[in-house]
N, C-alpha and C. Protein backbone atom coordinates (compact mmCIF):
# COMPACT_ATOMS: atom_id res chain seq x y z
N UNK A 1 -49.16 -59.10 -23.32
CA UNK A 1 -46.98 -58.73 -22.41
C UNK A 1 -46.78 -57.83 -21.94
N UNK A 2 -46.33 -57.69 -20.87
CA UNK A 2 -46.27 -56.83 -20.00
C UNK A 2 -45.51 -55.27 -20.69
N UNK A 3 -45.54 -53.95 -21.52
CA UNK A 3 -43.91 -54.13 -21.17
C UNK A 3 -43.06 -53.19 -19.90
N UNK A 4 -42.28 -53.48 -20.37
CA UNK A 4 -40.60 -53.15 -19.49
C UNK A 4 -41.13 -51.00 -19.28
N UNK A 5 -41.34 -51.13 -18.01
CA UNK A 5 -40.79 -48.64 -18.05
C UNK A 5 -39.24 -48.84 -17.46
N UNK A 6 -39.01 -47.91 -18.61
CA UNK A 6 -37.65 -47.78 -18.66
C UNK A 6 -37.28 -46.67 -16.80
N UNK A 7 -36.50 -46.81 -16.44
CA UNK A 7 -36.38 -46.43 -15.19
C UNK A 7 -34.78 -45.08 -15.00
N UNK A 8 -35.18 -44.09 -14.89
CA UNK A 8 -34.08 -43.27 -14.70
C UNK A 8 -33.39 -43.34 -13.46
N UNK A 9 -32.86 -42.79 -13.52
CA UNK A 9 -31.17 -42.74 -11.71
C UNK A 9 -30.78 -41.66 -12.17
N UNK A 10 -30.30 -40.68 -10.92
CA UNK A 10 -29.49 -40.11 -11.31
C UNK A 10 -28.42 -39.83 -11.14
N UNK A 11 -27.63 -41.46 -11.41
CA UNK A 11 -26.18 -41.66 -11.63
C UNK A 11 -26.14 -41.83 -13.18
N UNK A 12 -27.50 -42.08 -14.10
CA UNK A 12 -27.27 -41.67 -15.41
C UNK A 12 -27.05 -41.06 -15.89
N UNK A 13 -25.87 -40.63 -17.28
CA UNK A 13 -25.30 -39.41 -17.50
C UNK A 13 -26.26 -39.14 -18.54
N UNK A 14 -26.85 -37.60 -19.20
CA UNK A 14 -27.84 -37.23 -20.41
C UNK A 14 -27.12 -37.81 -21.33
N UNK A 15 -26.50 -37.91 -21.12
CA UNK A 15 -26.45 -38.79 -22.80
C UNK A 15 -26.91 -39.99 -22.96
N UNK A 16 -26.68 -41.27 -22.20
CA UNK A 16 -27.51 -41.88 -21.87
C UNK A 16 -28.82 -42.36 -21.89
N UNK A 17 -29.89 -40.50 -21.67
CA UNK A 17 -30.49 -41.12 -21.33
C UNK A 17 -31.34 -40.48 -22.73
N UNK A 18 -30.96 -39.27 -23.19
CA UNK A 18 -31.49 -39.23 -24.77
C UNK A 18 -31.09 -40.36 -25.52
N UNK A 19 -29.87 -41.68 -25.47
CA UNK A 19 -29.86 -42.98 -26.04
C UNK A 19 -31.00 -43.79 -25.69
N UNK A 20 -32.13 -43.02 -24.85
CA UNK A 20 -33.10 -43.82 -24.74
C UNK A 20 -33.93 -43.09 -26.03
N UNK A 21 -34.64 -42.14 -25.40
CA UNK A 21 -35.58 -41.76 -26.46
C UNK A 21 -35.40 -39.89 -26.45
N UNK A 22 -34.83 -39.65 -26.91
CA UNK A 22 -33.99 -38.23 -27.33
C UNK A 22 -35.32 -37.14 -28.06
N UNK A 23 -36.71 -37.46 -27.24
CA UNK A 23 -38.23 -37.00 -27.36
C UNK A 23 -37.52 -36.56 -25.16
N UNK A 24 -36.54 -36.86 -24.76
CA UNK A 24 -36.71 -35.57 -24.05
C UNK A 24 -35.94 -34.75 -22.96
N UNK A 25 -35.96 -34.22 -24.59
CA UNK A 25 -34.82 -32.80 -24.13
C UNK A 25 -35.82 -31.98 -24.06
N UNK A 26 -37.10 -31.49 -23.85
CA UNK A 26 -37.57 -30.98 -24.52
C UNK A 26 -37.83 -30.69 -22.38
N UNK A 27 -37.93 -31.62 -21.19
CA UNK A 27 -37.75 -32.14 -19.94
C UNK A 27 -36.14 -31.11 -19.69
N UNK A 28 -35.36 -31.32 -20.74
CA UNK A 28 -33.98 -30.75 -19.98
C UNK A 28 -34.04 -29.28 -20.26
N UNK A 29 -34.00 -29.22 -21.19
CA UNK A 29 -34.19 -26.93 -21.93
C UNK A 29 -35.72 -26.81 -20.53
N UNK A 30 -36.49 -27.09 -20.56
CA UNK A 30 -37.38 -26.22 -19.20
C UNK A 30 -36.74 -26.51 -17.37
N UNK A 31 -35.85 -27.53 -17.77
CA UNK A 31 -35.22 -27.25 -16.66
C UNK A 31 -33.98 -26.42 -16.08
N UNK A 32 -33.58 -26.30 -17.32
CA UNK A 32 -32.22 -24.95 -17.75
C UNK A 32 -30.70 -26.09 -18.60
N UNK A 33 -31.09 -26.96 -18.66
CA UNK A 33 -29.87 -27.90 -18.97
C UNK A 33 -30.20 -27.33 -20.71
N UNK A 34 -29.59 -26.94 -20.67
CA UNK A 34 -29.12 -26.27 -22.28
C UNK A 34 -27.88 -27.61 -22.33
N UNK A 35 -26.78 -27.39 -21.38
CA UNK A 35 -25.70 -28.31 -22.58
C UNK A 35 -26.21 -30.00 -22.92
N UNK A 36 -26.84 -30.60 -23.69
CA UNK A 36 -27.26 -31.15 -24.52
C UNK A 36 -26.16 -32.38 -24.79
N UNK A 37 -25.77 -30.94 -25.66
CA UNK A 37 -24.73 -31.10 -26.94
C UNK A 37 -23.64 -31.85 -26.42
N UNK A 38 -23.06 -30.45 -24.58
CA UNK A 38 -21.63 -30.50 -24.46
C UNK A 38 -21.37 -31.98 -24.51
N UNK A 39 -19.63 -31.47 -24.76
CA UNK A 39 -18.86 -33.14 -24.04
C UNK A 39 -18.60 -33.15 -22.70
N UNK A 40 -19.18 -32.40 -21.46
CA UNK A 40 -19.80 -33.45 -20.14
C UNK A 40 -20.89 -33.97 -19.75
N UNK A 41 -22.55 -33.72 -21.13
CA UNK A 41 -22.84 -34.87 -21.23
C UNK A 41 -21.99 -35.93 -20.67
N UNK A 42 -21.83 -36.83 -21.60
CA UNK A 42 -21.61 -38.02 -21.76
C UNK A 42 -20.46 -38.07 -20.19
N UNK A 43 -19.94 -38.01 -20.06
CA UNK A 43 -19.82 -38.31 -18.95
C UNK A 43 -20.39 -37.30 -17.12
N UNK A 44 -20.78 -36.43 -16.72
CA UNK A 44 -21.59 -36.50 -15.76
C UNK A 44 -22.28 -36.91 -15.71
N UNK A 45 -23.02 -36.81 -14.49
CA UNK A 45 -24.13 -38.17 -14.15
C UNK A 45 -25.40 -36.82 -14.57
N UNK A 46 -27.17 -37.12 -13.84
CA UNK A 46 -27.16 -36.29 -14.52
C UNK A 46 -27.69 -35.26 -12.82
N UNK A 47 -26.84 -36.42 -12.07
CA UNK A 47 -26.68 -35.47 -10.60
C UNK A 47 -26.06 -33.67 -10.95
N UNK A 48 -24.00 -34.95 -11.15
CA UNK A 48 -23.56 -34.04 -11.33
C UNK A 48 -23.59 -33.32 -12.42
N UNK A 49 -24.37 -32.98 -13.45
CA UNK A 49 -24.93 -31.84 -14.23
C UNK A 49 -26.11 -30.93 -13.09
N UNK A 50 -26.70 -31.55 -12.56
CA UNK A 50 -27.70 -30.25 -11.68
C UNK A 50 -26.97 -29.92 -11.12
N UNK A 51 -26.03 -30.40 -10.20
CA UNK A 51 -25.00 -29.64 -9.21
C UNK A 51 -24.95 -28.84 -9.73
N UNK A 52 -24.09 -28.17 -10.85
CA UNK A 52 -23.28 -27.38 -11.17
C UNK A 52 -24.90 -26.57 -11.80
N UNK A 53 -25.29 -26.97 -12.33
CA UNK A 53 -26.62 -26.22 -13.28
C UNK A 53 -27.10 -25.24 -11.98
N UNK A 54 -27.45 -25.81 -10.59
CA UNK A 54 -28.40 -25.32 -9.51
C UNK A 54 -29.76 -25.58 -9.86
N UNK A 55 -30.37 -27.04 -10.10
CA UNK A 55 -30.82 -27.29 -10.92
C UNK A 55 -31.04 -29.25 -9.73
N UNK A 56 -32.62 -29.40 -8.89
CA UNK A 56 -33.35 -30.13 -8.51
C UNK A 56 -33.20 -31.24 -8.61
N UNK A 57 -31.98 -32.68 -9.05
CA UNK A 57 -32.02 -34.18 -9.19
C UNK A 57 -33.31 -34.46 -10.11
N UNK A 58 -33.81 -34.51 -7.90
CA UNK A 58 -35.07 -35.43 -7.16
C UNK A 58 -35.41 -35.17 -8.82
N UNK A 59 -36.12 -34.28 -8.67
CA UNK A 59 -37.73 -33.07 -9.38
C UNK A 59 -36.81 -33.78 -11.33
N UNK A 60 -35.73 -33.36 -11.99
CA UNK A 60 -35.37 -34.12 -12.86
C UNK A 60 -35.59 -35.66 -13.50
N UNK A 61 -35.52 -36.54 -11.95
CA UNK A 61 -35.73 -37.57 -12.34
C UNK A 61 -36.37 -37.65 -11.94
N UNK A 62 -37.45 -37.09 -12.03
CA UNK A 62 -39.00 -38.31 -11.85
C UNK A 62 -39.35 -37.32 -12.71
N UNK A 63 -39.11 -35.87 -13.05
CA UNK A 63 -40.49 -35.63 -14.85
C UNK A 63 -39.82 -36.70 -15.81
N UNK A 64 -38.18 -37.18 -15.58
CA UNK A 64 -38.18 -38.57 -16.58
C UNK A 64 -38.87 -39.49 -16.83
N UNK A 65 -38.92 -39.59 -14.80
CA UNK A 65 -38.99 -40.42 -14.96
C UNK A 65 -40.79 -40.54 -15.81
N UNK A 66 -41.20 -40.33 -14.79
CA UNK A 66 -43.08 -39.38 -15.21
C UNK A 66 -43.49 -40.12 -16.90
N UNK A 67 -42.32 -39.23 -17.22
CA UNK A 67 -42.70 -39.51 -19.06
C UNK A 67 -41.56 -41.08 -19.61
N UNK A 68 -41.09 -41.68 -19.26
CA UNK A 68 -40.53 -42.62 -19.44
C UNK A 68 -42.12 -43.76 -19.20
N UNK A 69 -43.54 -42.97 -17.82
CA UNK A 69 -43.72 -44.94 -17.67
C UNK A 69 -45.23 -44.05 -18.58
N UNK A 70 -44.73 -43.40 -19.01
CA UNK A 70 -46.43 -43.13 -20.09
C UNK A 70 -46.10 -42.92 -21.39
N UNK A 71 -45.13 -44.10 -21.38
CA UNK A 71 -44.42 -43.92 -23.15
C UNK A 71 -45.01 -45.63 -23.65
C-alpha cells in the first residue's frame, strides 16, 4: 500500500505545519522564522509570515515538501 505524501501549501499556517510534524522546526529556524510559538503563527499563512520576515515563501514550501516527501 502506498503511503500518502503530505503536501504543504503557502496558504497553511505555521501551526498547521507543526501539527503535522514538529520535526520541521529546524527548517523554520533556518529561514529565520523564530515565531513558532507566537500567537500570530496560529492565524497567519506561511505566505503572510514570510512576507513580514522577508523570506522566500516558495523556497520555504519547497524545503518543507522535500522533508515530508522523505518521510
